[in-house]
Amino acid sequence: MDVMADYRYTVLFEQDEDGAIIASCPALPGCSSYGLTQEEAVANIKEAMALAIDDLRERGEPIPVDRIYTEAIDIAV
């Protein structure tokens, strides 16, 4: 029986030169996706993250813990 669990991970978003939004989850190596809008990128990365975690479970590997934090820092130059 599969046990559901909640996970929280940092996701990084970047806009490419064509305007697409690239989303990646550093705690889940290789887990990235994209969308033409922010909403689409979020939906797609959530699906990719769920698939990555399911794959780790099926292989009996540990689920990584997110050890990344972010902070916006203002600087004046």
N, C-alpha and C. Protein backbone atom coordinates (compact mmCIF):
# COMPACT_ATOMS: atom_id res chain seq x y z
N MET A 1 0.84 -1.18 0.00
CA MET A 1 0.00 0.00 0.00
C MET A 1 0.88 1.24 0.00
N ASP A 2 0.60 2.18 -0.91
CA ASP A 2 1.35 3.43 -0.99
C ASP A 2 0.92 4.37 0.12
N VAL A 3 1.89 5.01 0.72
CA VAL A 3 1.62 5.98 1.77
C VAL A 3 1.88 7.37 1.20
N MET A 4 0.89 8.24 1.30
CA MET A 4 1.05 9.60 0.83
C MET A 4 1.79 10.41 1.88
N ALA A 5 2.60 11.34 1.44
CA ALA A 5 3.33 12.22 2.34
C ALA A 5 3.42 13.59 1.68
N ASP A 6 3.54 14.61 2.50
CA ASP A 6 3.71 15.96 1.99
C ASP A 6 5.19 16.31 2.04
N TYR A 7 5.66 16.96 0.98
CA TYR A 7 7.04 17.40 0.89
C TYR A 7 7.05 18.87 0.50
N ARG A 8 8.09 19.57 0.94
CA ARG A 8 8.26 20.98 0.56
C ARG A 8 9.68 21.12 0.02
N TYR A 9 9.77 21.63 -1.21
CA TYR A 9 11.06 21.82 -1.86
C TYR A 9 11.18 23.22 -2.45
N THR A 10 12.40 23.71 -2.48
CA THR A 10 12.70 24.97 -3.15
C THR A 10 12.70 24.71 -4.66
N VAL A 11 12.03 25.58 -5.39
CA VAL A 11 12.02 25.50 -6.85
C VAL A 11 12.56 26.82 -7.38
N LEU A 12 13.48 26.73 -8.33
CA LEU A 12 14.07 27.92 -8.95
C LEU A 12 13.41 28.15 -10.31
N PHE A 13 13.13 29.40 -10.61
CA PHE A 13 12.51 29.77 -11.88
C PHE A 13 13.42 30.74 -12.62
N GLU A 14 13.58 30.50 -13.90
CA GLU A 14 14.35 31.40 -14.77
C GLU A 14 13.59 31.56 -16.07
N GLN A 15 13.67 32.74 -16.65
CA GLN A 15 13.04 32.94 -17.95
C GLN A 15 14.11 32.83 -19.02
N ASP A 16 13.85 31.99 -20.03
CA ASP A 16 14.84 31.84 -21.09
C ASP A 16 14.68 32.96 -22.12
N GLU A 17 15.58 32.96 -23.09
CA GLU A 17 15.60 34.04 -24.09
C GLU A 17 14.33 34.09 -24.95
N ASP A 18 13.59 33.00 -25.01
CA ASP A 18 12.34 32.97 -25.78
C ASP A 18 11.12 33.29 -24.93
N GLY A 19 11.32 33.53 -23.63
CA GLY A 19 10.22 33.89 -22.75
C GLY A 19 9.63 32.74 -21.96
N ALA A 20 10.06 31.51 -22.23
CA ALA A 20 9.55 30.36 -21.47
C ALA A 20 10.12 30.41 -20.06
N ILE A 21 9.38 29.86 -19.11
CA ILE A 21 9.81 29.80 -17.72
C ILE A 21 10.36 28.41 -17.43
N ILE A 22 11.64 28.35 -17.08
CA ILE A 22 12.31 27.10 -16.74
C ILE A 22 12.24 26.93 -15.23
N ALA A 23 11.76 25.79 -14.76
CA ALA A 23 11.65 25.50 -13.34
C ALA A 23 12.53 24.30 -13.01
N SER A 24 13.26 24.39 -11.90
CA SER A 24 14.09 23.26 -11.48
C SER A 24 14.03 23.13 -9.97
N CYS A 25 14.21 21.88 -9.51
CA CYS A 25 14.21 21.57 -8.09
C CYS A 25 15.58 21.00 -7.74
N PRO A 26 16.49 21.82 -7.19
CA PRO A 26 17.85 21.36 -6.90
C PRO A 26 17.93 20.15 -5.98
N ALA A 27 17.00 19.98 -5.06
CA ALA A 27 17.05 18.85 -4.13
C ALA A 27 16.76 17.52 -4.81
N LEU A 28 16.11 17.58 -5.97
CA LEU A 28 15.81 16.37 -6.75
C LEU A 28 16.62 16.45 -8.04
N PRO A 29 17.85 15.96 -8.04
CA PRO A 29 18.74 16.11 -9.19
C PRO A 29 18.09 15.69 -10.51
N GLY A 30 18.24 16.56 -11.50
CA GLY A 30 17.70 16.29 -12.82
C GLY A 30 16.23 16.64 -12.96
N CYS A 31 15.61 17.11 -11.91
CA CYS A 31 14.18 17.41 -11.94
C CYS A 31 13.97 18.84 -12.40
N SER A 32 13.52 18.98 -13.63
CA SER A 32 13.24 20.30 -14.17
C SER A 32 12.10 20.19 -15.17
N SER A 33 11.53 21.35 -15.48
CA SER A 33 10.43 21.42 -16.43
C SER A 33 10.33 22.86 -16.90
N TYR A 34 9.33 23.14 -17.70
CA TYR A 34 9.15 24.51 -18.16
C TYR A 34 7.68 24.75 -18.48
N GLY A 35 7.37 26.00 -18.71
CA GLY A 35 6.03 26.37 -19.13
C GLY A 35 6.09 27.69 -19.86
N LEU A 36 5.07 27.96 -20.61
CA LEU A 36 5.00 29.24 -21.32
C LEU A 36 4.56 30.37 -20.40
N THR A 37 3.95 30.01 -19.26
CA THR A 37 3.56 30.97 -18.23
C THR A 37 4.06 30.46 -16.89
N GLN A 38 4.05 31.32 -15.89
CA GLN A 38 4.45 30.91 -14.53
C GLN A 38 3.54 29.80 -14.02
N GLU A 39 2.24 29.94 -14.24
CA GLU A 39 1.28 28.93 -13.77
C GLU A 39 1.54 27.58 -14.42
N GLU A 40 1.83 27.59 -15.71
CA GLU A 40 2.12 26.33 -16.41
C GLU A 40 3.43 25.72 -15.91
N ALA A 41 4.43 26.56 -15.66
CA ALA A 41 5.71 26.06 -15.16
C ALA A 41 5.53 25.43 -13.78
N VAL A 42 4.72 26.06 -12.92
CA VAL A 42 4.47 25.51 -11.58
C VAL A 42 3.78 24.17 -11.68
N ALA A 43 2.73 24.09 -12.49
CA ALA A 43 2.00 22.82 -12.64
C ALA A 43 2.92 21.73 -13.18
N ASN A 44 3.76 22.07 -14.15
CA ASN A 44 4.64 21.07 -14.76
C ASN A 44 5.74 20.61 -13.81
N ILE A 45 6.31 21.54 -13.02
CA ILE A 45 7.37 21.11 -12.09
C ILE A 45 6.78 20.28 -10.96
N LYS A 46 5.56 20.59 -10.52
CA LYS A 46 4.92 19.75 -9.50
C LYS A 46 4.76 18.32 -10.00
N GLU A 47 4.34 18.17 -11.24
CA GLU A 47 4.19 16.83 -11.82
C GLU A 47 5.54 16.13 -11.91
N ALA A 48 6.57 16.86 -12.36
CA ALA A 48 7.91 16.27 -12.48
C ALA A 48 8.45 15.86 -11.12
N MET A 49 8.21 16.69 -10.10
CA MET A 49 8.68 16.36 -8.75
C MET A 49 7.97 15.12 -8.21
N ALA A 50 6.66 15.03 -8.42
CA ALA A 50 5.92 13.86 -7.95
C ALA A 50 6.43 12.59 -8.63
N LEU A 51 6.70 12.67 -9.94
CA LEU A 51 7.23 11.50 -10.66
C LEU A 51 8.62 11.13 -10.14
N ALA A 52 9.45 12.12 -9.86
CA ALA A 52 10.80 11.84 -9.35
C ALA A 52 10.73 11.15 -7.99
N ILE A 53 9.85 11.63 -7.12
CA ILE A 53 9.70 11.02 -5.79
C ILE A 53 9.13 9.61 -5.91
N ASP A 54 8.14 9.42 -6.77
CA ASP A 54 7.59 8.07 -7.00
C ASP A 54 8.68 7.12 -7.48
N ASP A 55 9.54 7.60 -8.38
CA ASP A 55 10.62 6.77 -8.91
C ASP A 55 11.60 6.38 -7.79
N LEU A 56 11.95 7.34 -6.93
CA LEU A 56 12.84 7.04 -5.81
C LEU A 56 12.22 6.00 -4.89
N ARG A 57 10.93 6.15 -4.60
CA ARG A 57 10.23 5.18 -3.74
C ARG A 57 10.27 3.78 -4.36
N GLU A 58 9.96 3.70 -5.66
CA GLU A 58 9.93 2.39 -6.33
C GLU A 58 11.29 1.72 -6.30
N ARG A 59 12.37 2.50 -6.34
CA ARG A 59 13.71 1.94 -6.30
C ARG A 59 14.23 1.75 -4.88
N GLY A 60 13.40 2.12 -3.89
CA GLY A 60 13.79 1.96 -2.49
C GLY A 60 14.85 2.94 -2.03
N GLU A 61 14.99 4.05 -2.73
CA GLU A 61 15.99 5.05 -2.38
C GLU A 61 15.38 6.09 -1.45
N PRO A 62 16.22 6.73 -0.64
CA PRO A 62 15.69 7.75 0.28
C PRO A 62 15.18 8.98 -0.48
N ILE A 63 14.18 9.62 0.09
CA ILE A 63 13.65 10.84 -0.48
C ILE A 63 14.51 11.99 0.06
N PRO A 64 15.11 12.79 -0.83
CA PRO A 64 15.99 13.87 -0.37
C PRO A 64 15.24 14.91 0.45
N VAL A 65 16.00 15.53 1.35
CA VAL A 65 15.49 16.64 2.14
C VAL A 65 15.99 17.93 1.49
N ASP A 66 15.13 18.92 1.41
CA ASP A 66 15.52 20.21 0.84
C ASP A 66 16.38 20.95 1.85
N ARG A 67 17.61 21.23 1.51
CA ARG A 67 18.52 21.93 2.40
C ARG A 67 18.87 23.31 1.85
N ILE A 68 18.08 23.78 0.92
CA ILE A 68 18.33 25.07 0.28
C ILE A 68 17.37 26.10 0.86
N TYR A 69 17.87 27.27 1.08
CA TYR A 69 16.98 28.37 1.44
C TYR A 69 17.39 29.57 0.59
N THR A 70 16.46 30.45 0.41
CA THR A 70 16.74 31.63 -0.41
C THR A 70 16.43 32.89 0.37
N GLU A 71 17.08 33.94 -0.04
CA GLU A 71 16.81 35.24 0.54
C GLU A 71 17.11 36.29 -0.54
N ALA A 72 16.21 37.19 -0.73
CA ALA A 72 16.46 38.30 -1.67
C ALA A 72 17.27 39.35 -0.93
N ILE A 73 18.36 39.78 -1.54
CA ILE A 73 19.26 40.74 -0.90
C ILE A 73 19.35 41.96 -1.80
N ASP A 74 19.08 43.12 -1.23
CA ASP A 74 19.21 44.38 -1.98
C ASP A 74 20.63 44.89 -1.83
N ILE A 75 21.19 45.40 -2.94
CA ILE A 75 22.50 46.03 -2.88
C ILE A 75 22.44 47.34 -3.67
N ALA A 76 23.27 48.26 -3.30
CA ALA A 76 23.38 49.53 -4.03
C ALA A 76 24.80 49.61 -4.58
N VAL A 77 24.90 49.88 -5.86
CA VAL A 77 26.24 49.99 -6.48
C VAL A 77 26.33 51.27 -7.28
